[in-house]
Amino acid sequence: MTEAISDEKIVISSESMPSGEKIPERKTIVYETRVDPTVIKLTGEKLKAQLFARFGFMKPKAEDIRLISVDKYYEPYFVISGRYRIDYYRKCAYTVKVDKTVLEVILLNHKLKPKQLTDPSAKDHNAIKLEGEERLVNEVKASLILDRTGRDTALKELPSAPSEKNPKKILATFKVKEIDPNTDLDVIRSRIFKRPKDISRLVNELFEVNERAAIYTPRFRILYRNVRTGAEKTAEFDGVAGERIQHGGSFVQFLEKLA
């Protein structure tokens, strides 16, 4: 649409800083167990018949339901927050209408020759096209709570409790399997590290994690067996508050009643 008829060029500094990351080591936190296993057993005794109930009311005799085991384990959660910031240039072009009688426009030592517009409604104007670069800064932040697989989880599923003084010893005692060291990083990176596709020059880029922890919360799993049918059922309890953990909500409970 325009024709530059000057050899002079606009000079823009090409200096740029390399992209960078600031990622701290992940802290390991193990919550203290606040509920005694005996309390968990007593709670389980109150609901064991319900575990084997059919249609919500056909319950077996309590003496037919035997306690097989009470196992303690630790369920991991990830807490991570961070930000992604990018300072960059992208190419741009602006079309400026000029009077049809204008033969030449000089801007920043560039001589530009107007060209005719293809738009029939602009028959009284020609146009010049100004090409250059725009500088932008984008920043995205996120704070996540994830389960062991990297899926989002609600804050209410992560109880609050004092932490053990020697977390690694606790995890070793209960033979807790090591979880993927990059699960939390991969998730938050996929959420916020999105480099624009229209970058022409990079000024600065930073992916920074400012909070990162793996929190292990105690759980109890009780196993019961119906000695008449041989069927087995489990119930899980939070080791901090002592509340029963319901997996999958009401639909799972409904299936249990039909079992």
Protein backbone atom coordinates (compact mmCIF):
# COMPACT_ATOMS: atom_id res chain seq x y z
CA MET A 1 0.00 0.00 0.00
CA THR A 2 3.02 2.23 0.48
CA GLU A 3 6.44 2.35 -1.05
CA ALA A 4 9.52 3.44 0.90
CA ILE A 5 11.70 5.56 -1.34
CA SER A 6 14.53 6.18 1.13
CA ASP A 7 17.48 4.01 2.09
CA GLU A 8 17.38 5.30 5.66
CA LYS A 9 16.09 2.76 8.19
CA ILE A 10 14.79 2.96 11.73
CA VAL A 11 17.24 1.26 14.07
CA ILE A 12 15.89 -0.55 17.11
CA SER A 13 18.17 -2.20 19.63
CA SER A 14 18.29 -5.95 19.19
CA GLU A 15 19.67 -6.64 22.67
CA SER A 16 17.58 -9.12 24.61
CA MET A 17 17.80 -11.01 27.87
CA PRO A 18 17.59 -14.79 27.79
CA SER A 19 14.48 -16.50 29.12
CA GLY A 20 14.85 -17.62 32.73
CA GLU A 21 13.35 -19.77 35.44
CA LYS A 22 13.28 -19.54 39.22
CA ILE A 23 12.17 -22.85 40.70
CA PRO A 24 12.77 -23.66 44.39
CA GLU A 25 13.10 -27.16 45.79
CA ARG A 26 9.84 -28.70 46.85
CA LYS A 27 9.22 -28.74 50.59
CA THR A 28 7.95 -31.94 52.17
CA ILE A 29 5.34 -31.54 54.91
CA VAL A 30 3.76 -34.40 56.83
CA TYR A 31 0.72 -33.60 58.95
CA GLU A 32 0.53 -34.97 62.47
CA THR A 33 -2.01 -37.69 63.12
CA ARG A 34 -4.59 -36.17 65.48
CA VAL A 35 -6.95 -39.15 65.79
CA ASP A 36 -6.19 -42.35 67.69
CA PRO A 37 -6.71 -45.61 65.75
CA THR A 38 -9.01 -46.81 68.55
CA VAL A 39 -11.37 -43.94 67.79
CA ILE A 40 -11.35 -44.94 64.13
CA LYS A 41 -12.24 -48.53 65.06
CA LEU A 42 -15.16 -47.38 67.21
CA THR A 43 -16.44 -45.15 64.43
CA GLY A 44 -16.13 -48.02 61.97
CA GLU A 45 -18.15 -50.31 64.24
CA LYS A 46 -21.05 -47.88 64.07
CA LEU A 47 -21.23 -47.93 60.28
CA LYS A 48 -19.99 -51.40 59.34
CA ALA A 49 -23.49 -52.79 58.78
CA GLN A 50 -24.29 -49.81 56.57
CA LEU A 51 -21.32 -50.66 54.36
CA PHE A 52 -22.97 -53.95 53.38
CA ALA A 53 -26.54 -52.64 53.25
CA ARG A 54 -28.60 -53.35 50.14
CA PHE A 55 -31.07 -50.73 48.88
CA GLY A 56 -30.36 -48.69 52.00
CA PHE A 57 -32.33 -50.83 54.44
CA MET A 58 -31.42 -54.51 53.99
CA LYS A 59 -28.53 -54.69 56.45
CA PRO A 60 -26.69 -57.86 57.54
CA LYS A 61 -26.39 -58.79 61.19
CA ALA A 62 -23.63 -56.91 62.98
CA GLU A 63 -22.06 -60.13 64.23
CA ASP A 64 -21.59 -61.30 60.61
CA ILE A 65 -19.33 -58.34 59.83
CA ARG A 66 -15.74 -58.83 61.02
CA LEU A 67 -12.94 -56.31 61.22
CA ILE A 68 -10.02 -57.57 59.12
CA SER A 69 -7.50 -54.74 59.33
CA VAL A 70 -6.89 -51.08 60.12
CA ASP A 71 -4.12 -49.61 57.96
CA LYS A 72 -2.60 -46.17 58.18
CA TYR A 73 -1.27 -44.48 55.06
CA TYR A 74 -0.47 -40.99 53.80
CA GLU A 75 -2.20 -39.23 50.94
CA PRO A 76 -0.08 -36.61 49.11
CA TYR A 77 -1.22 -33.22 47.85
CA PHE A 78 0.67 -30.52 46.00
CA VAL A 79 0.49 -26.82 46.80
CA ILE A 80 2.16 -24.64 44.20
CA SER A 81 1.93 -21.05 43.03
CA GLY A 82 3.86 -19.08 40.47
CA ARG A 83 3.85 -16.56 37.66
CA TYR A 84 4.91 -16.23 34.04
CA ARG A 85 6.01 -12.83 32.76
CA ILE A 86 7.11 -11.96 29.26
CA ASP A 87 8.30 -8.65 27.82
CA TYR A 88 8.47 -8.73 24.02
CA TYR A 89 8.04 -7.02 20.67
CA ARG A 90 5.70 -8.01 17.89
CA LYS A 91 5.49 -6.72 14.35
CA CYS A 92 2.67 -4.33 13.53
CA ALA A 93 1.32 -2.28 10.64
CA TYR A 94 -0.95 0.77 10.66
CA THR A 95 -2.86 2.06 7.65
CA VAL A 96 -3.28 5.84 7.56
CA LYS A 97 -5.53 7.61 5.09
CA VAL A 98 -4.16 10.67 3.32
CA ASP A 99 -5.66 13.10 0.90
CA LYS A 100 -5.72 11.80 -2.68
CA THR A 101 -3.70 14.77 -3.87
CA VAL A 102 -0.75 13.95 -1.55
CA LEU A 103 2.23 12.67 -3.51
CA GLU A 104 4.63 11.91 -0.68
CA VAL A 105 4.73 11.66 3.13
CA ILE A 106 7.92 11.94 5.19
CA LEU A 107 7.90 10.34 8.64
CA LEU A 108 11.01 9.74 10.78
CA ASN A 109 13.25 10.28 7.77
CA HIS A 110 11.30 7.77 5.70
CA LYS A 111 9.69 8.86 2.48
CA LEU A 112 6.43 7.06 1.89
CA LYS A 113 4.47 7.10 -1.32
CA PRO A 114 0.68 6.75 -0.90
CA LYS A 115 -1.16 4.09 -2.80
CA GLN A 116 -4.75 3.83 -3.88
CA LEU A 117 -7.16 2.10 -1.51
CA THR A 118 -9.16 -0.84 -2.82
CA ASP A 119 -12.15 0.20 -0.74
CA PRO A 120 -14.66 1.93 -3.11
CA SER A 121 -15.98 4.06 -0.24
CA ALA A 122 -12.54 5.70 0.12
CA LYS A 123 -12.41 7.07 -3.41
CA ASP A 124 -11.29 10.50 -2.17
CA HIS A 125 -8.32 9.09 -0.23
CA ASN A 126 -5.14 7.16 -0.71
CA ALA A 127 -3.22 5.54 2.18
CA ILE A 128 0.19 4.90 3.59
CA LYS A 129 1.12 1.81 5.58
CA LEU A 130 3.38 2.25 8.59
CA GLU A 131 5.21 -0.89 9.63
CA GLY A 132 7.06 -1.31 12.90
CA GLU A 133 7.03 -3.13 16.22
CA GLU A 134 4.92 -2.93 19.36
CA ARG A 135 6.24 -3.72 22.84
CA LEU A 136 4.00 -5.65 25.23
CA VAL A 137 4.26 -7.12 28.72
CA ASN A 138 2.06 -10.04 29.76
CA GLU A 139 1.92 -11.62 33.21
CA VAL A 140 -0.10 -14.62 34.34
CA LYS A 141 -0.31 -15.96 37.91
CA ALA A 142 -1.75 -19.16 39.37
CA SER A 143 -2.08 -20.82 42.77
CA LEU A 144 -3.02 -24.51 42.71
CA ILE A 145 -3.87 -27.38 45.04
CA LEU A 146 -3.47 -30.74 43.29
CA ASP A 147 -3.92 -34.39 44.17
CA ARG A 148 -1.26 -37.06 43.56
CA THR A 149 -2.16 -37.30 39.85
CA GLY A 150 -1.99 -33.56 39.25
CA ARG A 151 -5.74 -32.94 39.17
CA ASP A 152 -7.25 -29.90 40.86
CA THR A 153 -8.69 -30.54 44.28
CA ALA A 154 -10.76 -28.45 46.65
CA LEU A 155 -9.17 -26.78 49.66
CA LYS A 156 -11.65 -28.56 51.95
CA GLU A 157 -10.07 -31.90 50.98
CA LEU A 158 -6.78 -30.76 52.48
CA PRO A 159 -7.20 -30.53 56.27
CA SER A 160 -5.11 -28.23 58.42
CA ALA A 161 -2.84 -29.67 61.10
CA PRO A 162 0.58 -29.19 62.73
CA SER A 163 3.43 -30.77 60.80
CA GLU A 164 5.75 -33.57 61.91
CA LYS A 165 9.28 -32.49 62.87
CA ASN A 166 10.94 -35.29 60.91
CA PRO A 167 8.78 -35.82 57.80
CA LYS A 168 11.25 -37.98 55.86
CA LYS A 169 11.51 -40.43 58.75
CA ILE A 170 7.71 -40.73 58.93
CA LEU A 171 7.44 -41.39 55.20
CA ALA A 172 10.20 -43.99 55.36
CA THR A 173 8.55 -45.75 58.31
CA PHE A 174 5.28 -46.13 56.42
CA LYS A 175 7.06 -46.93 53.15
CA VAL A 176 5.35 -44.11 51.30
CA LYS A 177 6.12 -44.35 47.60
CA GLU A 178 7.98 -41.44 46.06
CA ILE A 179 5.74 -39.31 43.89
CA ASP A 180 6.80 -37.80 40.57
CA PRO A 181 9.07 -34.84 41.36
CA ASN A 182 7.77 -32.86 38.37
CA THR A 183 4.01 -33.43 38.55
CA ASP A 184 3.24 -30.07 40.15
CA LEU A 185 5.68 -28.21 37.90
CA ASP A 186 4.26 -29.76 34.75
CA VAL A 187 0.73 -28.73 35.70
CA ILE A 188 1.43 -25.11 36.61
CA ARG A 189 3.73 -24.73 33.61
CA SER A 190 0.96 -25.94 31.30
CA ARG A 191 -1.47 -23.45 32.86
CA ILE A 192 0.59 -20.25 32.75
CA PHE A 193 3.66 -20.73 30.54
CA LYS A 194 2.11 -19.73 27.21
CA ARG A 195 4.50 -17.86 24.97
CA PRO A 196 2.74 -15.63 22.39
CA LYS A 197 3.03 -16.82 18.80
CA ASP A 198 3.56 -13.34 17.36
CA ILE A 199 6.91 -12.59 19.04
CA SER A 200 9.42 -10.81 16.82
CA ARG A 201 11.94 -10.01 19.55
CA LEU A 202 12.20 -11.09 23.18
CA VAL A 203 13.21 -8.58 25.84
CA ASN A 204 12.72 -10.64 28.97
CA GLU A 205 10.93 -13.84 29.96
CA LEU A 206 10.56 -15.41 33.40
CA PHE A 207 8.81 -18.49 34.76
CA GLU A 208 8.90 -18.26 38.56
CA VAL A 209 7.57 -20.55 41.28
CA ASN A 210 7.27 -18.81 44.65
CA GLU A 211 5.57 -21.52 46.71
CA ARG A 212 5.99 -25.25 46.34
CA ALA A 213 5.21 -28.04 48.79
CA ALA A 214 4.13 -31.67 48.92
CA ILE A 215 1.79 -32.21 51.86
CA TYR A 216 1.17 -35.71 53.16
CA THR A 217 -1.98 -36.08 55.22
CA PRO A 218 -2.63 -39.21 57.35
CA ARG A 219 -5.46 -41.57 56.48
CA PHE A 220 -6.88 -44.76 57.97
CA ARG A 221 -8.40 -47.53 55.87
CA ILE A 222 -10.59 -50.12 57.63
CA LEU A 223 -11.32 -53.44 55.94
CA TYR A 224 -14.44 -55.44 56.87
CA ARG A 225 -15.60 -58.85 55.69
CA ASN A 226 -19.05 -60.42 55.71
CA VAL A 227 -18.26 -63.91 57.01
CA ARG A 228 -21.46 -65.33 55.49
CA THR A 229 -20.95 -64.08 51.94
CA GLY A 230 -17.20 -63.44 51.88
CA ALA A 231 -17.80 -59.90 50.55
CA GLU A 232 -15.37 -57.22 51.65
CA LYS A 233 -15.84 -53.48 52.07
CA THR A 234 -13.53 -50.66 53.10
CA ALA A 235 -14.03 -47.31 54.76
CA GLU A 236 -11.47 -44.52 54.85
CA PHE A 237 -11.04 -41.82 57.49
CA ASP A 238 -9.09 -38.61 57.72
CA GLY A 239 -6.36 -39.00 60.32
CA VAL A 240 -6.51 -35.32 61.25
CA ALA A 241 -10.21 -34.70 61.85
CA GLY A 242 -11.44 -38.31 62.03
CA GLU A 243 -14.12 -37.76 59.39
CA ARG A 244 -15.01 -40.41 56.86
CA ILE A 245 -13.68 -39.79 53.35
CA GLN A 246 -16.27 -40.22 50.63
CA HIS A 247 -14.75 -40.94 47.22
CA GLY A 248 -16.82 -39.93 44.26
CA GLY A 249 -19.71 -38.42 46.22
CA SER A 250 -23.26 -39.65 46.37
CA PHE A 251 -23.06 -41.84 43.26
CA VAL A 252 -20.50 -44.13 44.92
CA GLN A 253 -22.64 -44.25 48.04
CA PHE A 254 -25.59 -45.24 45.88
CA LEU A 255 -23.63 -48.08 44.32
CA GLU A 256 -22.56 -49.27 47.75
CA LYS A 257 -26.17 -49.52 48.79
CA LEU A 258 -27.00 -51.60 45.74
CA ALA A 259 -24.05 -53.98 46.29
